[in-house]
C-alpha atoms as a PDB file:
ATOM      1  CA  UNK A   1       0.000  -0.006  -0.005  1.00  0.00           C
ATOM      2  CA  UNK A   2       2.686   2.474  -1.095  1.00  0.00           C
ATOM      3  CA  UNK A   3       0.089   5.227  -1.534  1.00  0.00           C
ATOM      4  CA  UNK A   4      -0.021   5.493   2.240  1.00  0.00           C
ATOM      5  CA  UNK A   5       3.717   5.652   2.776  1.00  0.00           C
ATOM      6  CA  UNK A   6       5.155   8.841   4.262  1.00  0.00           C
ATOM      7  CA  UNK A   7       8.077  10.839   3.013  1.00  0.00           C
ATOM      8  CA  UNK A   8      11.444  11.363   4.630  1.00  0.00           C
ATOM      9  CA  UNK A   9      11.409  14.204   7.168  1.00  0.00           C
ATOM     10  CA  UNK A  10      14.924  15.190   6.015  1.00  0.00           C
ATOM     11  CA  UNK A  11      14.718  15.097   2.161  1.00  0.00           C
ATOM     12  CA  UNK A  12      11.039  14.530   1.232  1.00  0.00           C
ATOM     13  CA  UNK A  13      11.675  11.311  -0.682  1.00  0.00           C
ATOM     14  CA  UNK A  14       9.122   8.504  -0.311  1.00  0.00           C
ATOM     15  CA  UNK A  15      10.002   6.012   2.457  1.00  0.00           C
ATOM     16  CA  UNK A  16       9.403   2.659   0.756  1.00  0.00           C
ATOM     17  CA  UNK A  17      12.165   0.556   2.323  1.00  0.00           C
ATOM     18  CA  UNK A  18      11.044  -0.970   5.602  1.00  0.00           C
ATOM     19  CA  UNK A  19      14.646  -1.980   6.424  1.00  0.00           C
ATOM     20  CA  UNK A  20      15.858   1.596   6.821  1.00  0.00           C
ATOM     21  CA  UNK A  21      13.658   4.220   8.426  1.00  0.00           C
ATOM     22  CA  UNK A  22      14.736   7.830   8.336  1.00  0.00           C
ATOM     23  CA  UNK A  23      13.358  10.443  10.724  1.00  0.00           C
ATOM     24  CA  UNK A  24      14.835  13.663  11.909  1.00  0.00           C
ATOM     25  CA  UNK A  25      14.957  16.618  14.362  1.00  0.00           C
ATOM     26  CA  UNK A  26      14.794  19.919  12.567  1.00  0.00           C
ATOM     27  CA  UNK A  27      16.593  21.755  15.385  1.00  0.00           C
ATOM     28  CA  UNK A  28      18.614  20.997  18.499  1.00  0.00           C
ATOM     29  CA  UNK A  29      16.438  21.104  21.626  1.00  0.00           C
ATOM     30  CA  UNK A  30      18.214  24.213  22.918  1.00  0.00           C
ATOM     31  CA  UNK A  31      17.073  26.131  19.775  1.00  0.00           C
ATOM     32  CA  UNK A  32      13.424  25.304  20.111  1.00  0.00           C
ATOM     33  CA  UNK A  33      11.499  28.460  20.949  1.00  0.00           C
ATOM     34  CA  UNK A  34      14.478  30.641  20.098  1.00  0.00           C
ATOM     35  CA  UNK A  35      13.594  33.472  17.693  1.00  0.00           C
ATOM     36  CA  UNK A  36      14.576  32.756  14.117  1.00  0.00           C
ATOM     37  CA  UNK A  37      16.894  35.767  14.003  1.00  0.00           C
ATOM     38  CA  UNK A  38      18.964  34.136  16.816  1.00  0.00           C
ATOM     39  CA  UNK A  39      19.640  31.052  14.661  1.00  0.00           C
ATOM     40  CA  UNK A  40      22.578  31.424  12.247  1.00  0.00           C
ATOM     41  CA  UNK A  41      23.351  28.746   9.659  1.00  0.00           C
ATOM     42  CA  UNK A  42      26.856  28.827   8.264  1.00  0.00           C
ATOM     43  CA  UNK A  43      27.830  27.675   4.729  1.00  0.00           C
ATOM     44  CA  UNK A  44      25.354  24.777   4.949  1.00  0.00           C
ATOM     45  CA  UNK A  45      22.217  24.269   7.015  1.00  0.00           C
ATOM     46  CA  UNK A  46      23.871  21.406   8.860  1.00  0.00           C
ATOM     47  CA  UNK A  47      26.081  23.923  10.711  1.00  0.00           C
ATOM     48  CA  UNK A  48      24.261  26.122  13.184  1.00  0.00           C
ATOM     49  CA  UNK A  49      25.127  28.752  15.755  1.00  0.00           C
ATOM     50  CA  UNK A  50      22.375  29.837  18.173  1.00  0.00           C
ATOM     51  CA  UNK A  51      22.708  32.996  20.183  1.00  0.00           C
ATOM     52  CA  UNK A  52      22.932  32.150  23.865  1.00  0.00           C
ATOM     53  CA  UNK A  53      22.615  28.405  23.247  1.00  0.00           C
ATOM     54  CA  UNK A  54      25.825  27.282  21.514  1.00  0.00           C
ATOM     55  CA  UNK A  55      27.151  25.676  18.327  1.00  0.00           C
ATOM     56  CA  UNK A  56      25.672  22.594  16.645  1.00  0.00           C
ATOM     57  CA  UNK A  57      26.398  20.197  13.776  1.00  0.00           C
ATOM     58  CA  UNK A  58      23.689  18.015  12.278  1.00  0.00           C
ATOM     59  CA  UNK A  59      24.700  14.303  12.167  1.00  0.00           C
ATOM     60  CA  UNK A  60      23.176  10.880  11.594  1.00  0.00           C
ATOM     61  CA  UNK A  61      22.533   8.363  14.363  1.00  0.00           C
ATOM     62  CA  UNK A  62      22.085   4.795  13.169  1.00  0.00           C
ATOM     63  CA  UNK A  63      20.214   2.548  15.625  1.00  0.00           C
ATOM     64  CA  UNK A  64      19.928  -1.170  15.014  1.00  0.00           C
ATOM     65  CA  UNK A  65      16.441  -2.590  15.541  1.00  0.00           C
ATOM     66  CA  UNK A  66      14.963  -6.112  15.515  1.00  0.00           C
ATOM     67  CA  UNK A  67      13.278  -7.345  12.316  1.00  0.00           C
ATOM     68  CA  UNK A  68      16.541  -6.467  10.452  1.00  0.00           C
ATOM     69  CA  UNK A  69      15.623  -2.819  10.598  1.00  0.00           C
ATOM     70  CA  UNK A  70      17.809   0.281  10.860  1.00  0.00           C
ATOM     71  CA  UNK A  71      16.529   3.559  12.280  1.00  0.00           C
ATOM     72  CA  UNK A  72      18.517   6.554  11.021  1.00  0.00           C
ATOM     73  CA  UNK A  73      17.952   9.711  12.928  1.00  0.00           C
ATOM     74  CA  UNK A  74      18.959  13.126  11.708  1.00  0.00           C
ATOM     75  CA  UNK A  75      19.959  14.784  14.966  1.00  0.00           C
ATOM     76  CA  UNK A  76      22.270  17.456  16.377  1.00  0.00           C
ATOM     77  CA  UNK A  77      25.501  17.438  18.350  1.00  0.00           C
ATOM     78  CA  UNK A  78      26.558  20.442  20.409  1.00  0.00           C
ATOM     79  CA  UNK A  79      30.204  21.313  19.687  1.00  0.00           C
ATOM     80  CA  UNK A  80      32.613  24.086  20.637  1.00  0.00           C
ATOM     81  CA  UNK A  81      33.235  27.101  18.437  1.00  0.00           C
ATOM     82  CA  UNK A  82      36.526  25.769  17.055  1.00  0.00           C
ATOM     83  CA  UNK A  83      34.890  22.559  15.906  1.00  0.00           C
ATOM     84  CA  UNK A  84      32.062  24.414  14.188  1.00  0.00           C
ATOM     85  CA  UNK A  85      34.574  26.623  12.364  1.00  0.00           C
ATOM     86  CA  UNK A  86      36.655  23.618  11.301  1.00  0.00           C
ATOM     87  CA  UNK A  87      33.487  21.915   9.978  1.00  0.00           C
ATOM     88  CA  UNK A  88      32.644  25.045   7.992  1.00  0.00           C
ATOM     89  CA  UNK A  89      36.161  24.973   6.417  1.00  0.00           C
ATOM     90  CA  UNK A  90      36.027  21.280   5.507  1.00  0.00           C
ATOM     91  CA  UNK A  91      32.322  20.672   4.672  1.00  0.00           C
ATOM     92  CA  UNK A  92      32.535  21.174   0.914  1.00  0.00           C
ATOM     93  CA  UNK A  93      36.242  20.613   0.582  1.00  0.00           C
ATOM     94  CA  UNK A  94      38.282  17.416   0.026  1.00  0.00           C
ATOM     95  CA  UNK A  95      39.117  17.284   3.715  1.00  0.00           C
ATOM     96  CA  UNK A  96      35.487  16.496   4.573  1.00  0.00           C
ATOM     97  CA  UNK A  97      36.143  12.827   3.777  1.00  0.00           C
ATOM     98  CA  UNK A  98      38.357  12.411   6.806  1.00  0.00           C
ATOM     99  CA  UNK A  99      36.474  14.765   9.205  1.00  0.00           C
ATOM    100  CA  UNK A 100      35.870  13.417  12.736  1.00  0.00           C
ATOM    101  CA  UNK A 101      34.987  15.316  15.896  1.00  0.00           C
ATOM    102  CA  UNK A 102      33.493  15.056  19.384  1.00  0.00           C
ATOM    103  CA  UNK A 103      30.231  16.602  20.552  1.00  0.00           C
ATOM    104  CA  UNK A 104      27.308  16.145  22.913  1.00  0.00           C
ATOM    105  CA  UNK A 105      23.942  14.766  21.925  1.00  0.00           C
ATOM    106  CA  UNK A 106      21.613  17.827  21.698  1.00  0.00           C
ATOM    107  CA  UNK A 107      18.185  16.165  21.255  1.00  0.00           C
ATOM    108  CA  UNK A 108      16.049  14.131  23.679  1.00  0.00           C
ATOM    109  CA  UNK A 109      15.722  10.891  21.681  1.00  0.00           C
ATOM    110  CA  UNK A 110      12.939   8.573  22.789  1.00  0.00           C
ATOM    111  CA  UNK A 111      12.834   6.085  24.267  1.00  0.00           C
ATOM    112  CA  UNK A 112      16.347   6.806  25.663  1.00  0.00           C
ATOM    113  CA  UNK A 113      15.435  10.358  26.620  1.00  0.00           C
ATOM    114  CA  UNK A 114      17.438  12.063  29.354  1.00  0.00           C
ATOM    115  CA  UNK A 115      19.842   9.104  29.578  1.00  0.00           C
ATOM    116  CA  UNK A 116      21.637  10.206  26.375  1.00  0.00           C
ATOM    117  CA  UNK A 117      20.879  13.928  26.253  1.00  0.00           C
ATOM    118  CA  UNK A 118      24.265  15.638  26.656  1.00  0.00           C
ATOM    119  CA  UNK A 119      26.184  12.389  26.366  1.00  0.00           C
ATOM    120  CA  UNK A 120      29.593  12.776  24.653  1.00  0.00           C
ATOM    121  CA  UNK A 121      30.066  10.941  21.362  1.00  0.00           C
ATOM    122  CA  UNK A 122      32.409  10.900  18.334  1.00  0.00           C
ATOM    123  CA  UNK A 123      31.062  11.504  14.861  1.00  0.00           C
ATOM    124  CA  UNK A 124      32.856  10.636  11.625  1.00  0.00           C
ATOM    125  CA  UNK A 125      32.207  11.044   7.961  1.00  0.00           C
ATOM    126  CA  UNK A 126      31.559   7.648   6.380  1.00  0.00           C
ATOM    127  CA  UNK A 127      30.234   8.841   3.021  1.00  0.00           C
ATOM    128  CA  UNK A 128      31.055  12.307   1.490  1.00  0.00           C
ATOM    129  CA  UNK A 129      27.454  12.492   0.227  1.00  0.00           C
ATOM    130  CA  UNK A 130      26.004  12.136   3.728  1.00  0.00           C
ATOM    131  CA  UNK A 131      26.160  13.830   7.095  1.00  0.00           C
ATOM    132  CA  UNK A 132      28.668  12.515   9.634  1.00  0.00           C
ATOM    133  CA  UNK A 133      27.571   9.398  11.538  1.00  0.00           C
ATOM    134  CA  UNK A 134      27.856   8.900  15.307  1.00  0.00           C
ATOM    135  CA  UNK A 135      30.428   6.062  15.693  1.00  0.00           C
ATOM    136  CA  UNK A 136      31.480   5.961  19.334  1.00  0.00           C
ATOM    137  CA  UNK A 137      29.707   6.656  22.606  1.00  0.00           C
ATOM    138  CA  UNK A 138      31.813   7.897  25.510  1.00  0.00           C
ATOM    139  CA  UNK A 139      29.322   7.091  28.247  1.00  0.00           C
ATOM    140  CA  UNK A 140      27.671   3.745  29.048  1.00  0.00           C
ATOM    141  CA  UNK A 141      24.244   4.903  27.872  1.00  0.00           C
ATOM    142  CA  UNK A 142      25.591   6.350  24.568  1.00  0.00           C
ATOM    143  CA  UNK A 143      27.666   3.253  23.933  1.00  0.00           C
ATOM    144  CA  UNK A 144      24.614   0.998  24.429  1.00  0.00           C
ATOM    145  CA  UNK A 145      22.581   3.198  22.110  1.00  0.00           C
ATOM    146  CA  UNK A 146      25.105   2.650  19.331  1.00  0.00           C
ATOM    147  CA  UNK A 147      26.012  -0.958  19.964  1.00  0.00           C
ATOM    148  CA  UNK A 148      22.896  -2.832  21.015  1.00  0.00           C
ATOM    149  CA  UNK A 149      19.943  -4.154  18.946  1.00  0.00           C
ATOM    150  CA  UNK A 150      16.679  -2.565  20.189  1.00  0.00           C
ATOM    151  CA  UNK A 151      13.121  -3.820  19.976  1.00  0.00           C
ATOM    152  CA  UNK A 152      11.675  -2.289  16.829  1.00  0.00           C
ATOM    153  CA  UNK A 153       8.099  -1.702  18.064  1.00  0.00           C
ATOM    154  CA  UNK A 154       9.190  -0.370  21.412  1.00  0.00           C
ATOM    155  CA  UNK A 155      11.436   2.273  19.739  1.00  0.00           C
ATOM    156  CA  UNK A 156       9.303   3.199  16.732  1.00  0.00           C
ATOM    157  CA  UNK A 157       6.149   3.620  18.822  1.00  0.00           C
ATOM    158  CA  UNK A 158       7.832   6.660  20.401  1.00  0.00           C
ATOM    159  CA  UNK A 159       7.928   8.484  17.034  1.00  0.00           C
ATOM    160  CA  UNK A 160       4.525   9.991  16.216  1.00  0.00           C
ATOM    161  CA  UNK A 161       5.266  10.921  12.617  1.00  0.00           C
ATOM    162  CA  UNK A 162       4.072   8.627   9.753  1.00  0.00           C
ATOM    163  CA  UNK A 163       6.366   5.623   9.335  1.00  0.00           C
ATOM    164  CA  UNK A 164       6.788   3.194   6.403  1.00  0.00           C
ATOM    165  CA  UNK A 165       6.103   0.148   8.596  1.00  0.00           C
ATOM    166  CA  UNK A 166       3.356  -1.144  10.840  1.00  0.00           C
ATOM    167  CA  UNK A 167       4.169  -0.568  14.567  1.00  0.00           C
ATOM    168  CA  UNK A 168       2.707  -2.638  17.397  1.00  0.00           C
ATOM    169  CA  UNK A 169       1.872   0.046  19.997  1.00  0.00           C
ATOM    170  CA  UNK A 170       1.162  -0.222  23.695  1.00  0.00           C
ATOM    171  CA  UNK A 171      -2.085   1.336  24.868  1.00  0.00           C
ATOM    172  CA  UNK A 172      -1.298   0.690  28.588  1.00  0.00           C
ATOM    173  CA  UNK A 173      -3.315  -1.571  30.912  1.00  0.00           C
ATOM    174  CA  UNK A 174      -2.147  -4.616  29.000  1.00  0.00           C
ATOM    175  CA  UNK A 175      -3.632  -3.594  25.636  1.00  0.00           C
ATOM    176  CA  UNK A 176      -1.865  -3.316  22.267  1.00  0.00           C
ATOM    177  CA  UNK A 177      -2.843  -2.205  18.749  1.00  0.00           C
ATOM    178  CA  UNK A 178      -1.047  -1.932  15.427  1.00  0.00           C
ATOM    179  CA  UNK A 179      -0.496   1.578  14.002  1.00  0.00           C
ATOM    180  CA  UNK A 180      -0.382   0.850  10.311  1.00  0.00           C
ATOM    181  CA  UNK A 181       2.154   2.378   7.920  1.00  0.00           C
ATOM    182  CA  UNK A 182       1.621   5.958   6.846  1.00  0.00           C
ATOM    183  CA  UNK A 183      -0.357   7.182   9.901  1.00  0.00           C
ATOM    184  CA  UNK A 184       0.742   9.756  12.453  1.00  0.00           C
ATOM    185  CA  UNK A 185      -0.005   9.188  16.168  1.00  0.00           C
ATOM    186  CA  UNK A 186      -1.282  11.473  18.951  1.00  0.00           C
ATOM    187  CA  UNK A 187      -3.258  11.211  22.184  1.00  0.00           C
ATOM    188  CA  UNK A 188      -6.332  13.441  22.734  1.00  0.00           C
ATOM    189  CA  UNK A 189      -9.468  13.381  24.874  1.00  0.00           C
ATOM    190  CA  UNK A 190      -8.710   9.879  26.189  1.00  0.00           C
ATOM    191  CA  UNK A 191      -8.160   8.339  22.729  1.00  0.00           C
ATOM    192  CA  UNK A 192      -5.066   7.174  20.942  1.00  0.00           C
ATOM    193  CA  UNK A 193      -5.404   8.544  17.392  1.00  0.00           C
ATOM    194  CA  UNK A 194      -3.709   7.259  14.275  1.00  0.00           C
ATOM    195  CA  UNK A 195      -4.466   9.425  11.235  1.00  0.00           C
ATOM    196  CA  UNK A 196      -3.651   9.937   7.586  1.00  0.00           C
ATOM    197  CA  UNK A 197      -5.117  11.992   4.733  1.00  0.00           C
ATOM    198  CA  UNK A 198      -7.889   9.485   3.880  1.00  0.00           C
ATOM    199  CA  UNK A 199      -8.261   7.225   6.860  1.00  0.00           C
ATOM    200  CA  UNK A 200      -7.997   7.311  10.652  1.00  0.00           C
ATOM    201  CA  UNK A 201      -8.434   5.173  13.748  1.00  0.00           C
ATOM    202  CA  UNK A 202      -9.222   6.224  17.304  1.00  0.00           C
ATOM    203  CA  UNK A 203      -8.772   3.715  20.171  1.00  0.00           C
ATOM    204  CA  UNK A 204      -9.944   3.849  23.732  1.00  0.00           C
ATOM    205  CA  UNK A 205      -9.868   1.487  26.688  1.00  0.00           C
ATOM    206  CA  UNK A 206     -12.771   0.514  28.986  1.00  0.00           C
ATOM    207  CA  UNK A 207     -13.005  -1.557  32.170  1.00  0.00           C
ATOM    208  CA  UNK A 208     -16.197  -3.118  33.419  1.00  0.00           C
ATOM    209  CA  UNK A 209     -17.512  -1.914  36.769  1.00  0.00           C
ATOM    210  CA  UNK A 210     -19.310  -5.198  37.613  1.00  0.00           C
ATOM    211  CA  UNK A 211     -16.888  -7.744  39.027  1.00  0.00           C
ATOM    212  CA  UNK A 212     -17.132 -11.214  37.506  1.00  0.00           C
ATOM    213  CA  UNK A 213     -19.323 -10.213  34.530  1.00  0.00           C
ATOM    214  CA  UNK A 214     -18.604 -12.362  31.474  1.00  0.00           C
ATOM    215  CA  UNK A 215     -16.927 -10.597  28.467  1.00  0.00           C
ATOM    216  CA  UNK A 216     -20.002 -11.294  26.299  1.00  0.00           C
ATOM    217  CA  UNK A 217     -22.278  -9.571  28.797  1.00  0.00           C
ATOM    218  CA  UNK A 218     -19.904  -6.620  29.017  1.00  0.00           C
ATOM    219  CA  UNK A 219     -19.912  -6.378  25.240  1.00  0.00           C
ATOM    220  CA  UNK A 220     -23.720  -6.249  25.244  1.00  0.00           C
ATOM    221  CA  UNK A 221     -23.559  -3.236  27.543  1.00  0.00           C
ATOM    222  CA  UNK A 222     -21.005  -1.513  25.307  1.00  0.00           C
ATOM    223  CA  UNK A 223     -23.200  -2.122  22.239  1.00  0.00           C
ATOM    224  CA  UNK A 224     -26.440  -0.790  23.863  1.00  0.00           C
ATOM    225  CA  UNK A 225     -27.855   1.704  21.359  1.00  0.00           C
ATOM    226  CA  UNK A 226     -25.180   1.066  18.676  1.00  0.00           C
ATOM    227  CA  UNK A 227     -26.307   1.548  15.081  1.00  0.00           C
ATOM    228  CA  UNK A 228     -25.393  -1.988  13.964  1.00  0.00           C
ATOM    229  CA  UNK A 229     -28.545  -2.526  11.827  1.00  0.00           C
ATOM    230  CA  UNK A 230     -27.153  -4.589   8.917  1.00  0.00           C
ATOM    231  CA  UNK A 231     -26.510  -8.256   9.639  1.00  0.00           C
ATOM    232  CA  UNK A 232     -24.271  -8.593   6.611  1.00  0.00           C
ATOM    233  CA  UNK A 233     -22.028  -5.881   7.960  1.00  0.00           C
ATOM    234  CA  UNK A 234     -21.069  -7.258  11.359  1.00  0.00           C
ATOM    235  CA  UNK A 235     -18.690  -9.882  12.604  1.00  0.00           C
ATOM    236  CA  UNK A 236     -18.233 -11.737  15.906  1.00  0.00           C
ATOM    237  CA  UNK A 237     -15.041 -13.687  16.566  1.00  0.00           C
ATOM    238  CA  UNK A 238     -13.646 -15.467  19.597  1.00  0.00           C
ATOM    239  CA  UNK A 239     -10.226 -14.673  21.037  1.00  0.00           C
ATOM    240  CA  UNK A 240      -8.387 -16.359  23.933  1.00  0.00           C
ATOM    241  CA  UNK A 241     -10.250 -15.384  27.063  1.00  0.00           C
ATOM    242  CA  UNK A 242     -12.861 -13.263  25.321  1.00  0.00           C
ATOM    243  CA  UNK A 243     -14.393 -12.184  22.042  1.00  0.00           C
ATOM    244  CA  UNK A 244     -14.357  -9.383  19.475  1.00  0.00           C
ATOM    245  CA  UNK A 245     -17.163  -7.732  17.556  1.00  0.00           C
ATOM    246  CA  UNK A 246     -17.234  -5.241  14.732  1.00  0.00           C
ATOM    247  CA  UNK A 247     -19.803  -3.544  12.515  1.00  0.00           C
ATOM    248  CA  UNK A 248     -19.455  -1.060   9.692  1.00  0.00           C
ATOM    249  CA  UNK A 249     -21.671   1.368   7.863  1.00  0.00           C
ATOM    250  CA  UNK A 250     -21.706   4.328   5.473  1.00  0.00           C
ATOM    251  CA  UNK A 251     -23.400   7.433   6.959  1.00  0.00           C
ATOM    252  CA  UNK A 252     -25.564   9.402   4.578  1.00  0.00           C
ATOM    253  CA  UNK A 253     -25.215  12.779   6.331  1.00  0.00           C
ATOM    254  CA  UNK A 254     -21.765  13.866   5.119  1.00  0.00           C
ATOM    255  CA  UNK A 255     -20.816  15.976   2.176  1.00  0.00           C
ATOM    256  CA  UNK A 256     -18.196  13.493   0.975  1.00  0.00           C
ATOM    257  CA  UNK A 257     -17.913   9.678   0.924  1.00  0.00           C
ATOM    258  CA  UNK A 258     -16.979   8.304   4.321  1.00  0.00           C
ATOM    259  CA  UNK A 259     -17.177   4.774   5.670  1.00  0.00           C
ATOM    260  CA  UNK A 260     -16.977   3.795   9.334  1.00  0.00           C
ATOM    261  CA  UNK A 261     -16.076   0.711  11.320  1.00  0.00           C
ATOM    262  CA  UNK A 262     -16.739   0.254  15.046  1.00  0.00           C
ATOM    263  CA  UNK A 263     -14.795  -2.567  16.577  1.00  0.00           C
ATOM    264  CA  UNK A 264     -14.528  -3.960  20.148  1.00  0.00           C
ATOM    265  CA  UNK A 265     -12.363  -6.596  21.731  1.00  0.00           C
ATOM    266  CA  UNK A 266     -13.377  -7.771  25.251  1.00  0.00           C
ATOM    267  CA  UNK A 267     -11.282  -9.961  27.528  1.00  0.00           C
ATOM    268  CA  UNK A 268     -11.675 -11.285  31.046  1.00  0.00           C
ATOM    269  CA  UNK A 269      -9.461  -8.912  32.949  1.00  0.00           C
ATOM    270  CA  UNK A 270      -7.086  -9.337  35.846  1.00  0.00           C
ATOM    271  CA  UNK A 271      -8.182  -6.319  37.921  1.00  0.00           C
ATOM    272  CA  UNK A 272      -9.952  -6.659  41.257  1.00  0.00           C
ATOM    273  CA  UNK A 273     -13.521  -5.877  42.248  1.00  0.00           C
ATOM    274  CA  UNK A 274     -14.600  -4.347  45.524  1.00  0.00           C
ATOM    275  CA  UNK A 275     -16.877  -5.048  48.472  1.00  0.00           C
ATOM    276  CA  UNK A 276     -18.266  -8.591  48.678  1.00  0.00           C
ATOM    277  CA  UNK A 277     -16.906  -9.359  45.225  1.00  0.00           C
ATOM    278  CA  UNK A 278     -13.346  -8.289  46.047  1.00  0.00           C
ATOM    279  CA  UNK A 279     -10.908 -10.347  44.070  1.00  0.00           C
ATOM    280  CA  UNK A 280     -13.355 -11.040  41.194  1.00  0.00           C
ATOM    281  CA  UNK A 281     -11.928 -10.080  37.791  1.00  0.00           C
ATOM    282  CA  UNK A 282     -13.198  -7.085  35.913  1.00  0.00           C
ATOM    283  CA  UNK A 283     -13.615  -7.518  32.185  1.00  0.00           C
ATOM    284  CA  UNK A 284     -11.446  -5.185  30.068  1.00  0.00           C
ATOM    285  CA  UNK A 285     -12.176  -3.906  26.611  1.00  0.00           C
ATOM    286  CA  UNK A 286     -10.666  -1.838  23.821  1.00  0.00           C
ATOM    287  CA  UNK A 287     -12.689  -0.097  21.206  1.00  0.00           C
ATOM    288  CA  UNK A 288     -11.615   1.275  17.839  1.00  0.00           C
ATOM    289  CA  UNK A 289     -13.404   3.701  15.548  1.00  0.00           C
ATOM    290  CA  UNK A 290     -12.103   3.739  11.980  1.00  0.00           C
ATOM    291  CA  UNK A 291     -13.044   6.080   9.155  1.00  0.00           C
ATOM    292  CA  UNK A 292     -11.953   5.703   5.584  1.00  0.00           C
ATOM    293  CA  UNK A 293     -12.905   7.318   2.250  1.00  0.00           C
ATOM    294  CA  UNK A 294     -12.406   4.283  -0.046  1.00  0.00           C
ATOM    295  CA  UNK A 295     -14.771   1.389   0.593  1.00  0.00           C
ATOM    296  CA  UNK A 296     -11.982  -1.012  -0.314  1.00  0.00           C
ATOM    297  CA  UNK A 297     -10.177   0.092   2.870  1.00  0.00           C
ATOM    298  CA  UNK A 298     -12.676  -1.961   4.945  1.00  0.00           C
ATOM    299  CA  UNK A 299      -9.981  -4.644   4.932  1.00  0.00           C
ATOM    300  CA  UNK A 300      -7.565  -2.123   6.496  1.00  0.00           C
ATOM    301  CA  UNK A 301     -10.101  -1.206   9.184  1.00  0.00           C
ATOM    302  CA  UNK A 302     -10.713  -4.845  10.008  1.00  0.00           C
ATOM    303  CA  UNK A 303      -6.997  -5.436  10.266  1.00  0.00           C
ATOM    304  CA  UNK A 304      -6.685  -2.618  12.777  1.00  0.00           C
ATOM    305  CA  UNK A 305      -9.614  -4.017  14.784  1.00  0.00           C
ATOM    306  CA  UNK A 306      -8.181  -7.525  14.771  1.00  0.00           C
ATOM    307  CA  UNK A 307      -4.806  -6.145  15.964  1.00  0.00           C
ATOM    308  CA  UNK A 308      -6.307  -5.195  19.340  1.00  0.00           C
ATOM    309  CA  UNK A 309      -4.705  -7.631  21.824  1.00  0.00           C
ATOM    310  CA  UNK A 310      -4.826  -7.995  25.599  1.00  0.00           C
ATOM    311  CA  UNK A 311      -2.053  -9.458  27.713  1.00  0.00           C
ATOM    312  CA  UNK A 312      -3.234  -9.890  31.312  1.00  0.00           C
ATOM    313  CA  UNK A 313       0.374 -10.295  32.443  1.00  0.00           C
ATOM    314  CA  UNK A 314       0.977  -6.644  31.509  1.00  0.00           C
ATOM    315  CA  UNK A 315      -2.263  -5.393  33.121  1.00  0.00           C
ATOM    316  CA  UNK A 316      -2.106  -3.498  36.442  1.00  0.00           C
END
């Protein structure tokens, strides 16, 4: 489904290779919120001096992920004035090929966050047609970042921009869903949202308030008043420890074509009741609301619905 693939945040080219994922930080964190007139690029935009904040060089950080995937981050290193001047002299000269320097990581990079912010690293030019790559970490956290192989979904789920691969994403309370390729992610009004130009999904979590109630009975409560009027446009499926249900329709009250799918997955939970039923499990559910402009994307919406999973071992 290449039509849904995003473009590189650095160069704008389509991201159609799931083995290398390129994302980037436009500015060092210290420059965020600084007036534009306080930011001074030198001979190239990869060299930056920020009034009151310091000197920075844009570099590439390659992180090895599972599933034979490489995450390449365009990020910034803070350097001293002499290093920035040397970079400016060499950047478009023959000496650039051998350029190496030390600096400090100038972006909070999730999921490593504050552990690597400010960590000292060495960067070196590996290809004269690319930015310098980070090659050595001079603190334990920075060394681990460069040397270890990290769980792909755990890392990529921290990046809200559209990605060229599906990402299994934690919803907390033991629930998971797949954010499909090409969708951005954000949390608003109690829902996890995954959205693109012509389709979107919103996911929320629910816990039963009646201890010991069966998942099927909890589902009946959730569906009370739902507009699932067409038998040919509904599905019920069993899952370990529960069941899932979905229905879809095409509202007639919109100015443009739009199709909708409502999906629920309900599982016997691991939470505790209260009062005389203390210790009885509370059923847990996840609901997804998908919208899509092309009716053929019903298969996509059903895939998102079926990706809802519950792991009681991860529940509170």
